[in-house]
Amino acid sequence: MRWCLLLALLLPLTADAGEPLDTQVAAIIAGPGDEVQVGVWFGNPGATPLFALEPSRALPAASVVKTAMLIELFAANAGHLDEPLGAPLDAVLADDKHGAMAPFTKAQRAEIRTAFAGASAQAVGAIMMGSKKASNAVYNGAANLAIALLGGPAETSKKIAARDKAFAGVAVRRYMLASRTANGDNEATPEALAAVLSAVASGKVAGVDAPTVIAMAAVMMTSTDAALGEHRHKEGNLDNDPMTCVKTGFYLPKGKPPLVYVVAAALSAKPAGARDAAHDRLEKMTGAIAAVLRKSATGR
């Protein structure tokens, strides 16, 4: 498999179990199944990664691209995050043919209009990031509204890249649920996603005031890890081709720098067997890699 040729790029780190981390990751990837492309970044903001595998490889980003979009949406509405987005939002919602609305059925568009009537950037961000529960249509509709309010996919990409040169590996080329081939897929490199997460985790996003950055972190999904403390995260999954699973996030251990991780995997081609089995393998693979990274930092 192609990943075998890439192991020289791994940064060696030994887990407490006594087995090198690169060996553990390689064993996970080597499980039976279709050929995969994998990218990993793991470490502290502003530092050389503790571990990386193909960090500059562009891979399908699925929903994890939304973290970079969140930065731009909140930056554009800094100081007014709780205020209605008003006429610009209303215009997108009213237009069935707008790229943000076109991927949905008539019933779904009605649901989206109801969910976002008078909505604020805060509300759109919370639903887009998954911290406020919603149907799949409303969840993806939130991201599409964010893209539209930022000027469309191409303009969203430009704004992300202009924010910080380290973010330039994030590419928004389509609205959620739109064709992945017509204008290209939404992609990102692990190192660019890590830079986005690192900025939010450290509270230092270029050109954005501290309260707005805090608000960004606040709308991310949150859990608690017994060893590493507060955990803010965003996952992404696509079961059409190329099939994709991505896990990203950061931990905020007390008295220590944030710990950022990005684990992305995509099938290199259409699955040879059952699609459900192929997707399940990607889900388990990314979860297992994230687990060994976490264990390397905690010893358990």
C-alpha atoms as a PDB file:
ATOM      1  CA  MET A   1       0.000   0.000   0.000  1.00  0.00           C
ATOM      2  CA  ARG A   2       1.048   3.567  -0.733  1.00  0.00           C
ATOM      3  CA  TRP A   3       1.395   4.510   2.917  1.00  0.00           C
ATOM      4  CA  CYS A   4       4.384   2.175   3.196  1.00  0.00           C
ATOM      5  CA  LEU A   5       6.369   4.618   1.048  1.00  0.00           C
ATOM      6  CA  LEU A   6       5.564   7.466   3.392  1.00  0.00           C
ATOM      7  CA  LEU A   7       6.780   6.172   6.717  1.00  0.00           C
ATOM      8  CA  ALA A   8      10.087   7.969   6.327  1.00  0.00           C
ATOM      9  CA  LEU A   9       8.155  11.206   6.749  1.00  0.00           C
ATOM     10  CA  LEU A  10       6.881  10.227  10.154  1.00  0.00           C
ATOM     11  CA  LEU A  11       8.416  11.937  13.160  1.00  0.00           C
ATOM     12  CA  PRO A  12       9.424   9.232  15.659  1.00  0.00           C
ATOM     13  CA  LEU A  13       7.699   9.283  19.003  1.00  0.00           C
ATOM     14  CA  THR A  14       7.585   6.349  21.382  1.00  0.00           C
ATOM     15  CA  ALA A  15       4.378   5.533  23.213  1.00  0.00           C
ATOM     16  CA  ASP A  16       4.509   4.498  26.850  1.00  0.00           C
ATOM     17  CA  ALA A  17       3.650   0.975  25.804  1.00  0.00           C
ATOM     18  CA  GLY A  18       7.213   0.779  24.471  1.00  0.00           C
ATOM     19  CA  GLU A  19       6.272   0.545  20.803  1.00  0.00           C
ATOM     20  CA  PRO A  20       7.192   3.486  18.536  1.00  0.00           C
ATOM     21  CA  LEU A  21       4.208   5.595  17.594  1.00  0.00           C
ATOM     22  CA  ASP A  22       4.974   5.341  13.881  1.00  0.00           C
ATOM     23  CA  THR A  23       4.855   1.557  14.190  1.00  0.00           C
ATOM     24  CA  GLN A  24       1.496   1.703  15.938  1.00  0.00           C
ATOM     25  CA  VAL A  25       0.015   4.028  13.306  1.00  0.00           C
ATOM     26  CA  ALA A  26       1.405   1.914  10.468  1.00  0.00           C
ATOM     27  CA  ALA A  27      -0.149  -1.212  11.960  1.00  0.00           C
ATOM     28  CA  ILE A  28      -3.552   0.484  12.148  1.00  0.00           C
ATOM     29  CA  ILE A  29      -3.377   1.630   8.527  1.00  0.00           C
ATOM     30  CA  ALA A  30      -2.180  -1.800   7.387  1.00  0.00           C
ATOM     31  CA  GLY A  31      -5.421  -3.496   8.375  1.00  0.00           C
ATOM     32  CA  PRO A  32      -7.260  -5.378   5.627  1.00  0.00           C
ATOM     33  CA  GLY A  33      -9.267  -3.359   3.147  1.00  0.00           C
ATOM     34  CA  ASP A  34      -9.020  -0.890   0.277  1.00  0.00           C
ATOM     35  CA  GLU A  35      -6.035   1.385  -0.263  1.00  0.00           C
ATOM     36  CA  VAL A  36      -6.239   4.545   1.806  1.00  0.00           C
ATOM     37  CA  GLN A  37      -4.644   7.968   1.900  1.00  0.00           C
ATOM     38  CA  VAL A  38      -3.925   9.162   5.425  1.00  0.00           C
ATOM     39  CA  GLY A  39      -2.739  12.475   6.818  1.00  0.00           C
ATOM     40  CA  VAL A  40      -1.946  13.275  10.459  1.00  0.00           C
ATOM     41  CA  TRP A  41      -0.776  16.284  12.466  1.00  0.00           C
ATOM     42  CA  PHE A  42      -0.392  16.104  16.243  1.00  0.00           C
ATOM     43  CA  GLY A  43       1.275  18.572  18.570  1.00  0.00           C
ATOM     44  CA  ASN A  44       1.268  21.957  20.268  1.00  0.00           C
ATOM     45  CA  PRO A  45       0.451  25.292  18.585  1.00  0.00           C
ATOM     46  CA  GLY A  46       3.463  27.049  17.098  1.00  0.00           C
ATOM     47  CA  ALA A  47       5.779  24.084  17.576  1.00  0.00           C
ATOM     48  CA  THR A  48       7.205  21.298  15.452  1.00  0.00           C
ATOM     49  CA  PRO A  49       4.588  18.525  15.486  1.00  0.00           C
ATOM     50  CA  LEU A  50       5.132  15.663  17.876  1.00  0.00           C
ATOM     51  CA  PHE A  51       4.000  13.382  15.068  1.00  0.00           C
ATOM     52  CA  ALA A  52       3.077  13.921  11.437  1.00  0.00           C
ATOM     53  CA  LEU A  53       2.217  11.782   8.455  1.00  0.00           C
ATOM     54  CA  GLU A  54       1.908  13.503   5.063  1.00  0.00           C
ATOM     55  CA  PRO A  55       0.958  16.804   6.747  1.00  0.00           C
ATOM     56  CA  SER A  56       0.998  18.744   3.460  1.00  0.00           C
ATOM     57  CA  ARG A  57      -1.187  16.290   1.532  1.00  0.00           C
ATOM     58  CA  ALA A  58      -4.536  17.766   0.452  1.00  0.00           C
ATOM     59  CA  LEU A  59      -7.353  15.418   1.447  1.00  0.00           C
ATOM     60  CA  PRO A  60     -11.155  15.711   1.358  1.00  0.00           C
ATOM     61  CA  ALA A  61     -12.116  17.887   4.326  1.00  0.00           C
ATOM     62  CA  ALA A  62     -15.823  17.024   4.696  1.00  0.00           C
ATOM     63  CA  SER A  63     -17.294  18.995   7.626  1.00  0.00           C
ATOM     64  CA  VAL A  64     -13.989  19.859   9.286  1.00  0.00           C
ATOM     65  CA  VAL A  65     -13.587  22.688   6.767  1.00  0.00           C
ATOM     66  CA  LYS A  66     -16.270  24.433   8.815  1.00  0.00           C
ATOM     67  CA  THR A  67     -13.803  25.444  11.537  1.00  0.00           C
ATOM     68  CA  ALA A  68     -11.954  27.726   9.115  1.00  0.00           C
ATOM     69  CA  MET A  69     -15.290  29.041   7.857  1.00  0.00           C
ATOM     70  CA  LEU A  70     -16.332  29.741  11.444  1.00  0.00           C
ATOM     71  CA  ILE A  71     -13.316  31.992  11.926  1.00  0.00           C
ATOM     72  CA  GLU A  72     -14.299  34.091   8.902  1.00  0.00           C
ATOM     73  CA  LEU A  73     -17.995  34.241   9.775  1.00  0.00           C
ATOM     74  CA  PHE A  74     -17.293  35.397  13.324  1.00  0.00           C
ATOM     75  CA  ALA A  75     -14.523  37.779  12.259  1.00  0.00           C
ATOM     76  CA  ALA A  76     -16.931  39.418   9.805  1.00  0.00           C
ATOM     77  CA  ASN A  77     -19.484  39.876  12.579  1.00  0.00           C
ATOM     78  CA  ALA A  78     -17.203  40.666  15.509  1.00  0.00           C
ATOM     79  CA  GLY A  79     -18.999  42.728  18.129  1.00  0.00           C
ATOM     80  CA  HIS A  80     -22.380  41.749  16.682  1.00  0.00           C
ATOM     81  CA  LEU A  81     -22.403  37.970  17.013  1.00  0.00           C
ATOM     82  CA  ASP A  82     -25.783  37.867  18.741  1.00  0.00           C
ATOM     83  CA  GLU A  83     -27.515  40.289  16.368  1.00  0.00           C
ATOM     84  CA  PRO A  84     -29.698  39.163  13.441  1.00  0.00           C
ATOM     85  CA  LEU A  85     -27.758  38.822  10.201  1.00  0.00           C
ATOM     86  CA  GLY A  86     -30.603  40.649   8.508  1.00  0.00           C
ATOM     87  CA  ALA A  87     -31.088  41.325   4.804  1.00  0.00           C
ATOM     88  CA  PRO A  88     -28.035  39.429   3.460  1.00  0.00           C
ATOM     89  CA  LEU A  89     -29.204  36.237   5.190  1.00  0.00           C
ATOM     90  CA  ASP A  90     -32.838  36.808   4.201  1.00  0.00           C
ATOM     91  CA  ALA A  91     -31.861  37.184   0.538  1.00  0.00           C
ATOM     92  CA  VAL A  92     -30.069  33.822   0.476  1.00  0.00           C
ATOM     93  CA  LEU A  93     -32.887  32.050   2.308  1.00  0.00           C
ATOM     94  CA  ALA A  94     -35.482  33.396  -0.133  1.00  0.00           C
ATOM     95  CA  ASP A  95     -33.674  32.198  -3.270  1.00  0.00           C
ATOM     96  CA  ASP A  96     -34.356  28.545  -4.139  1.00  0.00           C
ATOM     97  CA  LYS A  97     -31.754  28.681  -6.907  1.00  0.00           C
ATOM     98  CA  HIS A  98     -28.937  30.107  -4.790  1.00  0.00           C
ATOM     99  CA  GLY A  99     -26.014  27.692  -4.485  1.00  0.00           C
ATOM    100  CA  ALA A 100     -26.559  27.563  -0.738  1.00  0.00           C
ATOM    101  CA  MET A 101     -30.180  26.416  -1.087  1.00  0.00           C
ATOM    102  CA  ALA A 102     -30.186  24.457  -4.348  1.00  0.00           C
ATOM    103  CA  PRO A 103     -28.814  21.172  -2.898  1.00  0.00           C
ATOM    104  CA  PHE A 104     -31.906  20.751  -0.703  1.00  0.00           C
ATOM    105  CA  THR A 105     -35.423  19.517  -1.390  1.00  0.00           C
ATOM    106  CA  LYS A 106     -38.409  21.859  -1.189  1.00  0.00           C
ATOM    107  CA  ALA A 107     -39.293  20.491   2.259  1.00  0.00           C
ATOM    108  CA  GLN A 108     -35.714  20.863   3.477  1.00  0.00           C
ATOM    109  CA  ARG A 109     -35.529  24.455   2.221  1.00  0.00           C
ATOM    110  CA  ALA A 110     -38.662  25.246   4.193  1.00  0.00           C
ATOM    111  CA  GLU A 111     -37.082  23.688   7.287  1.00  0.00           C
ATOM    112  CA  ILE A 112     -33.913  25.722   6.780  1.00  0.00           C
ATOM    113  CA  ARG A 113     -35.881  28.953   6.371  1.00  0.00           C
ATOM    114  CA  THR A 114     -37.749  28.301   9.599  1.00  0.00           C
ATOM    115  CA  ALA A 115     -34.566  27.404  11.507  1.00  0.00           C
ATOM    116  CA  PHE A 116     -32.662  30.515  10.433  1.00  0.00           C
ATOM    117  CA  ALA A 117     -35.352  33.196  10.362  1.00  0.00           C
ATOM    118  CA  GLY A 118     -33.778  36.155  12.152  1.00  0.00           C
ATOM    119  CA  ALA A 119     -30.663  34.114  12.981  1.00  0.00           C
ATOM    120  CA  SER A 120     -27.406  35.581  14.250  1.00  0.00           C
ATOM    121  CA  ALA A 121     -23.848  34.582  13.378  1.00  0.00           C
ATOM    122  CA  GLN A 122     -23.684  32.920  16.788  1.00  0.00           C
ATOM    123  CA  ALA A 123     -26.702  30.745  15.977  1.00  0.00           C
ATOM    124  CA  VAL A 124     -25.450  29.846  12.502  1.00  0.00           C
ATOM    125  CA  GLY A 125     -22.027  28.971  13.909  1.00  0.00           C
ATOM    126  CA  ALA A 126     -23.356  26.787  16.711  1.00  0.00           C
ATOM    127  CA  ILE A 127     -25.474  24.726  14.314  1.00  0.00           C
ATOM    128  CA  MET A 128     -22.727  24.567  11.679  1.00  0.00           C
ATOM    129  CA  MET A 129     -20.226  23.258  14.232  1.00  0.00           C
ATOM    130  CA  GLY A 130     -22.646  20.713  15.683  1.00  0.00           C
ATOM    131  CA  SER A 131     -22.811  22.055  19.225  1.00  0.00           C
ATOM    132  CA  LYS A 132     -26.464  22.961  18.722  1.00  0.00           C
ATOM    133  CA  LYS A 133     -28.351  19.905  17.522  1.00  0.00           C
ATOM    134  CA  ALA A 134     -30.279  20.104  14.273  1.00  0.00           C
ATOM    135  CA  SER A 135     -31.387  17.904  11.405  1.00  0.00           C
ATOM    136  CA  ASN A 136     -28.776  17.067   8.786  1.00  0.00           C
ATOM    137  CA  ALA A 137     -30.370  19.517   6.355  1.00  0.00           C
ATOM    138  CA  VAL A 138     -30.280  22.381   8.859  1.00  0.00           C
ATOM    139  CA  TYR A 139     -26.737  21.438   9.953  1.00  0.00           C
ATOM    140  CA  ASN A 140     -25.431  21.597   6.383  1.00  0.00           C
ATOM    141  CA  GLY A 141     -27.694  24.540   5.605  1.00  0.00           C
ATOM    142  CA  ALA A 142     -25.911  26.504   8.324  1.00  0.00           C
ATOM    143  CA  ALA A 143     -22.563  25.919   6.637  1.00  0.00           C
ATOM    144  CA  ASN A 144     -24.002  26.900   3.265  1.00  0.00           C
ATOM    145  CA  LEU A 145     -25.377  30.127   4.699  1.00  0.00           C
ATOM    146  CA  ALA A 146     -21.949  30.893   6.158  1.00  0.00           C
ATOM    147  CA  ILE A 147     -20.309  30.308   2.765  1.00  0.00           C
ATOM    148  CA  ALA A 148     -22.907  32.480   1.046  1.00  0.00           C
ATOM    149  CA  LEU A 149     -22.529  35.304   3.563  1.00  0.00           C
ATOM    150  CA  LEU A 150     -18.761  35.194   3.001  1.00  0.00           C
ATOM    151  CA  GLY A 151     -19.263  35.659  -0.740  1.00  0.00           C
ATOM    152  CA  GLY A 152     -19.419  32.084  -2.020  1.00  0.00           C
ATOM    153  CA  PRO A 153     -16.912  29.210  -2.057  1.00  0.00           C
ATOM    154  CA  ALA A 154     -14.097  30.958  -3.950  1.00  0.00           C
ATOM    155  CA  GLU A 155     -14.308  34.121  -1.847  1.00  0.00           C
ATOM    156  CA  THR A 156     -14.461  32.045   1.348  1.00  0.00           C
ATOM    157  CA  SER A 157     -11.215  30.325   0.335  1.00  0.00           C
ATOM    158  CA  LYS A 158      -9.574  33.676  -0.372  1.00  0.00           C
ATOM    159  CA  LYS A 159     -10.576  35.049   3.016  1.00  0.00           C
ATOM    160  CA  ILE A 160      -9.292  31.964   4.834  1.00  0.00           C
ATOM    161  CA  ALA A 161      -5.931  32.152   3.054  1.00  0.00           C
ATOM    162  CA  ALA A 162      -5.662  35.905   3.636  1.00  0.00           C
ATOM    163  CA  ARG A 163      -6.273  35.497   7.360  1.00  0.00           C
ATOM    164  CA  ASP A 164      -3.079  33.525   7.920  1.00  0.00           C
ATOM    165  CA  LYS A 165      -0.669  32.031   5.385  1.00  0.00           C
ATOM    166  CA  ALA A 166      -0.684  28.842   7.468  1.00  0.00           C
ATOM    167  CA  PHE A 167      -4.404  28.457   6.652  1.00  0.00           C
ATOM    168  CA  ALA A 168      -3.819  28.495   2.885  1.00  0.00           C
ATOM    169  CA  GLY A 169      -4.078  24.706   2.625  1.00  0.00           C
ATOM    170  CA  VAL A 170      -7.830  24.940   3.314  1.00  0.00           C
ATOM    171  CA  ALA A 171      -9.832  25.070   0.071  1.00  0.00           C
ATOM    172  CA  VAL A 172     -13.596  25.705  -0.085  1.00  0.00           C
ATOM    173  CA  ARG A 173     -14.773  24.909  -3.617  1.00  0.00           C
ATOM    174  CA  ARG A 174     -18.400  23.918  -3.144  1.00  0.00           C
ATOM    175  CA  TYR A 175     -21.454  24.301  -0.955  1.00  0.00           C
ATOM    176  CA  MET A 176     -22.259  21.400   1.354  1.00  0.00           C
ATOM    177  CA  LEU A 177     -24.144  18.577  -0.396  1.00  0.00           C
ATOM    178  CA  ALA A 178     -23.330  20.070  -3.822  1.00  0.00           C
ATOM    179  CA  SER A 179     -21.360  18.097  -6.436  1.00  0.00           C
ATOM    180  CA  ARG A 180     -17.847  17.154  -5.376  1.00  0.00           C
ATOM    181  CA  THR A 181     -16.642  17.163  -8.982  1.00  0.00           C
ATOM    182  CA  ALA A 182     -18.332  20.089 -10.762  1.00  0.00           C
ATOM    183  CA  ASN A 183     -16.033  22.728  -9.257  1.00  0.00           C
ATOM    184  CA  GLY A 184     -13.803  20.530  -7.109  1.00  0.00           C
ATOM    185  CA  ASP A 185     -14.090  19.217  -3.582  1.00  0.00           C
ATOM    186  CA  ASN A 186     -13.575  20.953  -0.262  1.00  0.00           C
ATOM    187  CA  GLU A 187     -10.083  19.898   0.781  1.00  0.00           C
ATOM    188  CA  ALA A 188      -7.483  20.676   3.396  1.00  0.00           C
ATOM    189  CA  THR A 189      -4.028  19.598   4.419  1.00  0.00           C
ATOM    190  CA  PRO A 190      -3.564  18.292   7.970  1.00  0.00           C
ATOM    191  CA  GLU A 191      -1.058  21.067   8.710  1.00  0.00           C
ATOM    192  CA  ALA A 192      -3.489  23.776   7.576  1.00  0.00           C
ATOM    193  CA  LEU A 193      -6.323  22.327   9.662  1.00  0.00           C
ATOM    194  CA  ALA A 194      -3.906  22.113  12.599  1.00  0.00           C
ATOM    195  CA  ALA A 195      -2.996  25.786  12.124  1.00  0.00           C
ATOM    196  CA  VAL A 196      -6.683  26.756  12.188  1.00  0.00           C
ATOM    197  CA  LEU A 197      -7.307  24.708  15.331  1.00  0.00           C
ATOM    198  CA  SER A 198      -4.107  25.990  16.948  1.00  0.00           C
ATOM    199  CA  ALA A 199      -5.179  29.591  16.433  1.00  0.00           C
ATOM    200  CA  VAL A 200      -8.542  28.999  18.100  1.00  0.00           C
ATOM    201  CA  ALA A 201      -7.032  26.864  20.865  1.00  0.00           C
ATOM    202  CA  SER A 202      -4.399  29.463  21.731  1.00  0.00           C
ATOM    203  CA  GLY A 203      -6.898  32.332  21.517  1.00  0.00           C
ATOM    204  CA  LYS A 204      -4.776  34.094  18.909  1.00  0.00           C
ATOM    205  CA  VAL A 205      -6.407  34.436  15.500  1.00  0.00           C
ATOM    206  CA  ALA A 206      -4.815  37.078  13.272  1.00  0.00           C
ATOM    207  CA  GLY A 207      -6.934  40.213  13.034  1.00  0.00           C
ATOM    208  CA  VAL A 208      -9.570  39.011  15.508  1.00  0.00           C
ATOM    209  CA  ASP A 209     -10.148  40.303  19.035  1.00  0.00           C
ATOM    210  CA  ALA A 210      -9.912  37.913  21.995  1.00  0.00           C
ATOM    211  CA  PRO A 211     -13.654  37.854  22.891  1.00  0.00           C
ATOM    212  CA  THR A 212     -14.518  36.827  19.332  1.00  0.00           C
ATOM    213  CA  VAL A 213     -11.952  34.018  19.381  1.00  0.00           C
ATOM    214  CA  ILE A 214     -13.361  32.823  22.701  1.00  0.00           C
ATOM    215  CA  ALA A 215     -16.806  32.809  21.088  1.00  0.00           C
ATOM    216  CA  MET A 216     -15.446  30.626  18.267  1.00  0.00           C
ATOM    217  CA  ALA A 217     -14.221  27.999  20.715  1.00  0.00           C
ATOM    218  CA  ALA A 218     -17.492  28.198  22.625  1.00  0.00           C
ATOM    219  CA  VAL A 219     -19.585  27.010  19.660  1.00  0.00           C
ATOM    220  CA  MET A 220     -17.421  23.950  19.022  1.00  0.00           C
ATOM    221  CA  MET A 221     -18.541  20.552  20.303  1.00  0.00           C
ATOM    222  CA  THR A 222     -17.119  19.998  23.771  1.00  0.00           C
ATOM    223  CA  SER A 223     -16.344  17.018  25.970  1.00  0.00           C
ATOM    224  CA  THR A 224     -13.920  16.253  28.784  1.00  0.00           C
ATOM    225  CA  ASP A 225     -10.985  13.863  28.813  1.00  0.00           C
ATOM    226  CA  ALA A 226      -9.948  12.546  32.236  1.00  0.00           C
ATOM    227  CA  ALA A 227      -6.240  13.054  31.515  1.00  0.00           C
ATOM    228  CA  LEU A 228      -6.175  15.975  29.067  1.00  0.00           C
ATOM    229  CA  GLY A 229      -9.081  18.089  30.271  1.00  0.00           C
ATOM    230  CA  GLU A 230     -11.418  20.102  28.068  1.00  0.00           C
ATOM    231  CA  HIS A 231     -11.774  18.739  24.542  1.00  0.00           C
ATOM    232  CA  ARG A 232     -13.164  20.780  21.660  1.00  0.00           C
ATOM    233  CA  HIS A 233     -13.592  18.966  18.390  1.00  0.00           C
ATOM    234  CA  LYS A 234     -15.061  18.717  14.876  1.00  0.00           C
ATOM    235  CA  GLU A 235     -15.478  15.567  12.829  1.00  0.00           C
ATOM    236  CA  GLY A 236     -16.314  14.987   9.185  1.00  0.00           C
ATOM    237  CA  ASN A 237     -17.614  12.016   7.217  1.00  0.00           C
ATOM    238  CA  LEU A 238     -18.516  11.480   3.580  1.00  0.00           C
ATOM    239  CA  ASP A 239     -19.900   8.145   2.400  1.00  0.00           C
ATOM    240  CA  ASN A 240     -19.883   9.013  -1.291  1.00  0.00           C
ATOM    241  CA  ASP A 241     -16.662   8.941  -3.312  1.00  0.00           C
ATOM    242  CA  PRO A 242     -13.973   9.558  -2.346  1.00  0.00           C
ATOM    243  CA  MET A 243     -15.142   8.082   0.951  1.00  0.00           C
ATOM    244  CA  THR A 244     -13.725  10.087   3.843  1.00  0.00           C
ATOM    245  CA  CYS A 245     -13.434  10.258   7.637  1.00  0.00           C
ATOM    246  CA  VAL A 246     -11.696  13.097   9.452  1.00  0.00           C
ATOM    247  CA  LYS A 247     -11.233  13.740  13.168  1.00  0.00           C
ATOM    248  CA  THR A 248      -9.915  17.076  14.420  1.00  0.00           C
ATOM    249  CA  GLY A 249      -9.807  18.980  17.668  1.00  0.00           C
ATOM    250  CA  PHE A 250      -7.740  20.169  20.576  1.00  0.00           C
ATOM    251  CA  TYR A 251      -7.343  19.453  24.267  1.00  0.00           C
ATOM    252  CA  LEU A 252      -6.746  22.121  26.911  1.00  0.00           C
ATOM    253  CA  PRO A 253      -4.736  20.422  29.672  1.00  0.00           C
ATOM    254  CA  LYS A 254      -4.390  22.573  32.781  1.00  0.00           C
ATOM    255  CA  GLY A 255      -1.030  24.281  33.043  1.00  0.00           C
ATOM    256  CA  LYS A 256       0.132  22.988  29.666  1.00  0.00           C
ATOM    257  CA  PRO A 257      -0.082  24.154  26.038  1.00  0.00           C
ATOM    258  CA  PRO A 258      -3.074  23.040  23.988  1.00  0.00           C
ATOM    259  CA  LEU A 259      -2.722  19.708  22.236  1.00  0.00           C
ATOM    260  CA  VAL A 260      -3.992  19.747  18.651  1.00  0.00           C
ATOM    261  CA  TYR A 261      -4.761  16.745  16.465  1.00  0.00           C
ATOM    262  CA  VAL A 262      -5.865  16.132  12.894  1.00  0.00           C
ATOM    263  CA  VAL A 263      -6.443  12.608  11.582  1.00  0.00           C
ATOM    264  CA  ALA A 264      -7.760  12.345   8.022  1.00  0.00           C
ATOM    265  CA  ALA A 265      -8.322   9.247   5.893  1.00  0.00           C
ATOM    266  CA  ALA A 266      -9.874   8.757   2.466  1.00  0.00           C
ATOM    267  CA  LEU A 267     -10.189   5.777   0.174  1.00  0.00           C
ATOM    268  CA  SER A 268      -7.975   6.056  -2.896  1.00  0.00           C
ATOM    269  CA  ALA A 269     -10.746   4.642  -5.114  1.00  0.00           C
ATOM    270  CA  LYS A 270     -14.286   3.351  -4.888  1.00  0.00           C
ATOM    271  CA  PRO A 271     -14.556   0.531  -2.328  1.00  0.00           C
ATOM    272  CA  ALA A 272     -14.169  -2.930  -3.783  1.00  0.00           C
ATOM    273  CA  GLY A 273     -16.719  -4.409  -1.404  1.00  0.00           C
ATOM    274  CA  ALA A 274     -19.642  -3.256   0.702  1.00  0.00           C
ATOM    275  CA  ARG A 275     -19.746   0.510   1.166  1.00  0.00           C
ATOM    276  CA  ASP A 276     -20.933   0.297   4.770  1.00  0.00           C
ATOM    277  CA  ALA A 277     -17.991  -1.929   5.657  1.00  0.00           C
ATOM    278  CA  ALA A 278     -15.542   0.408   3.932  1.00  0.00           C
ATOM    279  CA  HIS A 279     -16.896   3.446   5.777  1.00  0.00           C
ATOM    280  CA  ASP A 280     -16.850   1.582   9.077  1.00  0.00           C
ATOM    281  CA  ARG A 281     -13.188   0.744   8.497  1.00  0.00           C
ATOM    282  CA  LEU A 282     -12.321   4.416   7.921  1.00  0.00           C
ATOM    283  CA  GLU A 283     -14.228   5.432  11.037  1.00  0.00           C
ATOM    284  CA  LYS A 284     -12.441   2.832  13.159  1.00  0.00           C
ATOM    285  CA  MET A 285      -9.062   3.633  11.589  1.00  0.00           C
ATOM    286  CA  THR A 286      -9.218   7.354  12.313  1.00  0.00           C
ATOM    287  CA  GLY A 287     -10.549   6.668  15.808  1.00  0.00           C
ATOM    288  CA  ALA A 288      -7.750   4.210  16.546  1.00  0.00           C
ATOM    289  CA  ILE A 289      -5.064   6.591  15.310  1.00  0.00           C
ATOM    290  CA  ALA A 290      -6.508   9.417  17.400  1.00  0.00           C
ATOM    291  CA  ALA A 291      -6.512   7.073  20.397  1.00  0.00           C
ATOM    292  CA  VAL A 292      -2.827   6.141  20.104  1.00  0.00           C
ATOM    293  CA  LEU A 293      -1.901   9.808  19.686  1.00  0.00           C
ATOM    294  CA  ARG A 294      -3.837  10.630  22.834  1.00  0.00           C
ATOM    295  CA  LYS A 295      -2.244   7.725  24.686  1.00  0.00           C
ATOM    296  CA  SER A 296       1.228   8.905  23.683  1.00  0.00           C
ATOM    297  CA  ALA A 297       0.500  12.171  25.490  1.00  0.00           C
ATOM    298  CA  THR A 298      -1.063  10.662  28.594  1.00  0.00           C
ATOM    299  CA  GLY A 299       0.452   7.199  28.967  1.00  0.00           C
ATOM    300  CA  ARG A 300      -3.005   5.662  29.096  1.00  0.00           C
END
